[in-house]
Amino acid sequence: MHLRHFDTVEAEVTPAAAKILIAGGFGVGKTTLVGAISEIRPLRTEELLSDRSVGIDDTSGVDRKTTTTVAMDFGRITVRADLTLYLFGTPGQERFWFMWDDLAHGTVGAVVMADTRRLADCFAAVDYFEHRATPFIVAVNCFDGAPAYQPEDVRIALDLDPETPVVLCDARQRDSVKKALVTLVRHAIAKSRTNPEYQGKPEYQGRPLPAG
């Protein structure tokens, strides 16, 4: 009896999948974030930095970085029984931006990562998602030794809309990353309910909001 009831309840849960982009400037922590949260071994397309990148890739503030993503990062996280997020990390260097349109196809939202030492590096990603009316949040990666600012200060510096969430995040910590992703999911659902432009985009539209 109990097993049959359990099977019935499980059968009523229709799994949904959502594609999420992780974007931002070079060296901001996108690969680290995907690796910290993914429940599968993440797919990475990293290559060693060489002397050919001198004068092209700005490594100020991230001078210890020795690799760079040349295509994408990929990971997966099951938020709950009926919702799985597929994470696609975008390459940060300008010469790889031509790939963003393909990666963005079918996405329901994005996390734009920011580094307070190089805040201007996330401008391009913010502009990209604003221009395409894609729901996004800004996650400030709290690097050791980086200047600490309140989310509202970052919002002002980036000239964001009041409803765009800004969160502090440690890309190395699974719980911190999960909170950022839940914030994005909640924001995307809210957008789909209030703005006709987003109607029908998220496959999980109309479902209860995930707990924080």
Protein backbone atom coordinates (compact mmCIF):
# COMPACT_ATOMS: atom_id res chain seq x y z
CA MET A 1 0.00 0.00 0.00
CA HIS A 2 2.65 2.46 1.00
CA LEU A 3 4.83 1.60 -1.99
CA ARG A 4 1.95 1.96 -4.43
CA HIS A 5 1.04 5.33 -2.92
CA PHE A 6 4.68 6.46 -3.16
CA ASP A 7 4.88 5.39 -6.81
CA THR A 8 1.70 7.35 -7.57
CA VAL A 9 3.08 10.50 -5.97
CA GLU A 10 6.36 10.14 -7.85
CA ALA A 11 4.51 9.61 -11.14
CA GLU A 12 2.72 12.92 -10.64
CA VAL A 13 6.03 14.82 -10.59
CA THR A 14 6.92 15.93 -14.11
CA PRO A 15 10.64 16.63 -14.27
CA ALA A 16 11.69 19.89 -15.89
CA ALA A 17 15.06 21.11 -17.10
CA ALA A 18 16.34 24.66 -17.31
CA LYS A 19 19.41 25.92 -19.14
CA ILE A 20 21.43 28.50 -17.22
CA LEU A 21 24.40 30.52 -18.49
CA ILE A 22 27.30 31.46 -16.23
CA ALA A 23 28.90 34.55 -17.74
CA GLY A 24 31.35 37.28 -16.86
CA GLY A 25 34.84 38.50 -17.56
CA PHE A 26 38.11 36.64 -17.88
CA GLY A 27 39.23 34.98 -14.64
CA VAL A 28 36.10 35.86 -12.66
CA GLY A 29 35.47 32.30 -11.46
CA LYS A 30 32.98 30.79 -13.89
CA THR A 31 34.79 27.45 -14.18
CA THR A 32 35.22 27.31 -10.40
CA LEU A 33 31.51 27.96 -9.85
CA VAL A 34 30.38 25.22 -12.22
CA GLY A 35 32.83 22.77 -10.68
CA ALA A 36 31.73 23.59 -7.13
CA ILE A 37 28.04 22.88 -7.71
CA SER A 38 27.90 20.24 -10.45
CA GLU A 39 26.69 16.81 -9.36
CA ILE A 40 28.46 15.26 -12.34
CA ARG A 41 32.05 15.61 -13.37
CA PRO A 42 32.02 18.98 -15.17
CA LEU A 43 33.00 19.26 -18.79
CA ARG A 44 35.78 21.80 -19.21
CA THR A 45 37.46 23.15 -22.31
CA GLU A 46 40.47 24.82 -20.75
CA GLU A 47 43.79 25.49 -22.39
CA LEU A 48 47.02 26.74 -20.91
CA LEU A 49 47.72 30.43 -21.32
CA SER A 50 50.71 31.02 -23.56
CA ASP A 51 52.87 33.95 -24.52
CA ARG A 52 50.56 34.46 -27.50
CA SER A 53 47.94 35.86 -25.09
CA VAL A 54 50.30 38.60 -23.87
CA GLY A 55 48.77 41.95 -24.72
CA ILE A 56 45.43 40.30 -25.53
CA ASP A 57 44.22 38.81 -22.25
CA ASP A 58 44.23 41.24 -19.34
CA THR A 59 45.50 39.20 -16.37
CA SER A 60 45.82 42.11 -13.95
CA GLY A 61 44.28 41.03 -10.68
CA VAL A 62 44.35 37.37 -11.76
CA ASP A 63 48.04 37.00 -12.48
CA ARG A 64 48.08 33.48 -11.00
CA LYS A 65 45.66 32.22 -13.64
CA THR A 66 47.35 29.72 -15.95
CA THR A 67 44.40 28.37 -17.99
CA THR A 68 41.47 29.79 -19.89
CA THR A 69 38.13 28.45 -21.13
CA VAL A 70 38.10 28.39 -24.93
CA ALA A 71 34.61 26.97 -25.57
CA MET A 72 32.44 26.36 -22.51
CA ASP A 73 32.10 24.71 -19.13
CA PHE A 74 29.19 22.35 -18.51
CA GLY A 75 27.67 20.99 -15.32
CA ARG A 76 24.37 19.80 -13.89
CA ILE A 77 22.60 20.26 -10.55
CA THR A 78 19.27 18.82 -9.43
CA VAL A 79 17.61 21.52 -7.35
CA ARG A 80 14.71 19.22 -6.40
CA ALA A 81 12.92 16.16 -7.79
CA ASP A 82 11.15 18.11 -10.54
CA LEU A 83 13.82 20.65 -11.51
CA THR A 84 17.30 20.13 -12.94
CA LEU A 85 19.57 22.98 -13.97
CA TYR A 86 22.07 22.58 -16.79
CA LEU A 87 24.90 25.07 -16.40
CA PHE A 88 26.87 26.44 -19.34
CA GLY A 89 29.88 28.60 -18.55
CA THR A 90 30.77 31.06 -21.29
CA PRO A 91 34.32 31.97 -22.33
CA GLY A 92 35.35 35.33 -20.92
CA GLN A 93 37.75 36.71 -23.52
CA GLU A 94 36.38 39.04 -26.17
CA ARG A 95 37.77 36.94 -29.02
CA PHE A 96 35.43 34.08 -27.99
CA TRP A 97 32.26 36.18 -27.66
CA PHE A 98 31.03 34.95 -31.05
CA MET A 99 30.07 31.72 -29.26
CA TRP A 100 27.68 33.39 -26.85
CA ASP A 101 24.68 33.40 -29.20
CA ASP A 102 24.88 29.64 -29.66
CA LEU A 103 25.35 29.03 -25.95
CA ALA A 104 22.48 31.38 -25.08
CA HIS A 105 19.97 29.57 -27.31
CA GLY A 106 17.17 28.20 -25.14
CA THR A 107 18.47 29.64 -21.89
CA VAL A 108 16.01 30.75 -19.23
CA GLY A 109 18.41 32.93 -17.29
CA ALA A 110 22.01 33.82 -16.53
CA VAL A 111 24.36 34.42 -13.65
CA VAL A 112 26.72 37.30 -14.43
CA MET A 113 29.76 36.97 -12.21
CA ALA A 114 31.59 40.08 -11.08
CA ASP A 115 34.97 40.77 -9.48
CA THR A 116 35.12 44.06 -7.55
CA ARG A 117 38.78 44.43 -8.56
CA ARG A 118 37.79 44.44 -12.23
CA LEU A 119 34.12 45.38 -12.18
CA ALA A 120 34.14 46.77 -15.73
CA ASP A 121 34.88 43.27 -17.05
CA CYS A 122 31.25 42.24 -16.50
CA PHE A 123 29.75 45.21 -18.41
CA ALA A 124 29.66 43.26 -21.69
CA ALA A 125 27.73 40.37 -20.13
CA VAL A 126 25.25 42.71 -18.43
CA ASP A 127 24.67 44.54 -21.72
CA TYR A 128 24.28 41.24 -23.59
CA PHE A 129 21.49 39.91 -21.37
CA GLU A 130 19.76 43.28 -20.98
CA HIS A 131 19.67 43.69 -24.76
CA ARG A 132 18.15 40.23 -25.22
CA ALA A 133 15.71 40.64 -22.32
CA THR A 134 17.12 37.54 -20.61
CA PRO A 135 16.55 37.33 -16.84
CA PHE A 136 19.86 37.51 -15.00
CA ILE A 137 21.38 38.16 -11.62
CA VAL A 138 24.80 39.53 -10.73
CA ALA A 139 26.85 37.34 -8.39
CA VAL A 140 29.81 39.16 -6.86
CA ASN A 141 32.56 36.59 -6.39
CA CYS A 142 34.17 37.31 -3.03
CA PHE A 143 37.84 36.82 -3.78
CA ASP A 144 40.28 36.82 -0.87
CA GLY A 145 41.73 40.29 -0.50
CA ALA A 146 39.30 41.93 -2.95
CA PRO A 147 37.55 45.16 -1.92
CA ALA A 148 34.26 44.39 -0.17
CA TYR A 149 31.16 46.29 -1.28
CA GLN A 150 27.50 45.95 -0.45
CA PRO A 151 25.22 44.60 -3.21
CA GLU A 152 23.49 47.96 -3.56
CA ASP A 153 26.83 49.65 -4.22
CA VAL A 154 27.52 47.16 -7.02
CA ARG A 155 24.02 47.74 -8.41
CA ILE A 156 24.70 51.47 -8.64
CA ALA A 157 28.13 50.97 -10.20
CA LEU A 158 26.66 48.67 -12.88
CA ASP A 159 23.57 50.87 -13.38
CA LEU A 160 21.25 47.87 -12.98
CA ASP A 161 17.47 47.91 -12.91
CA PRO A 162 16.10 47.89 -9.34
CA GLU A 163 14.56 44.43 -9.78
CA THR A 164 17.80 42.77 -10.93
CA PRO A 165 19.13 40.76 -7.96
CA VAL A 166 22.73 41.28 -6.82
CA VAL A 167 24.16 38.67 -4.47
CA LEU A 168 27.49 38.01 -2.80
CA CYS A 169 28.89 34.61 -3.67
CA ASP A 170 31.93 32.45 -3.02
CA ALA A 171 32.33 30.42 -6.22
CA ARG A 172 34.33 27.80 -4.29
CA GLN A 173 31.52 27.01 -1.86
CA ARG A 174 28.68 24.74 -2.98
CA ASP A 175 26.08 26.21 -0.61
CA SER A 176 26.93 29.76 -1.67
CA VAL A 177 26.64 28.85 -5.35
CA LYS A 178 23.33 27.05 -4.76
CA LYS A 179 21.85 30.15 -3.11
CA ALA A 180 22.85 32.22 -6.14
CA LEU A 181 21.24 29.74 -8.54
CA VAL A 182 18.02 29.60 -6.50
CA THR A 183 17.93 33.41 -6.58
CA LEU A 184 18.17 33.28 -10.38
CA VAL A 185 15.43 30.66 -10.69
CA ARG A 186 13.10 32.69 -8.48
CA HIS A 187 13.88 35.83 -10.49
CA ALA A 188 13.25 34.09 -13.84
CA ILE A 189 9.92 32.71 -12.61
CA ALA A 190 8.87 36.13 -11.31
CA LYS A 191 9.76 37.65 -14.68
CA SER A 192 7.71 35.04 -16.53
CA ARG A 193 4.68 35.84 -14.38
CA THR A 194 4.83 39.62 -14.65
CA ASN A 195 6.25 40.33 -18.10
CA PRO A 196 4.52 38.98 -21.25
CA GLU A 197 7.88 39.02 -23.03
CA TYR A 198 8.99 36.11 -20.84
CA GLN A 199 5.73 34.13 -20.89
CA GLY A 200 6.34 30.47 -21.65
CA LYS A 201 10.15 30.71 -21.57
CA PRO A 202 10.91 28.84 -18.34
CA GLU A 203 9.79 25.22 -18.56
CA TYR A 204 9.12 25.32 -14.82
CA GLN A 205 6.74 28.27 -15.15
CA GLY A 206 3.87 28.21 -12.64
CA ARG A 207 5.56 25.78 -10.24
CA PRO A 208 6.18 26.66 -6.58
CA LEU A 209 9.30 28.71 -6.01
CA PRO A 210 12.30 26.77 -4.68
CA ALA A 211 13.18 27.34 -1.06
CA GLY A 212 16.13 29.64 -0.49
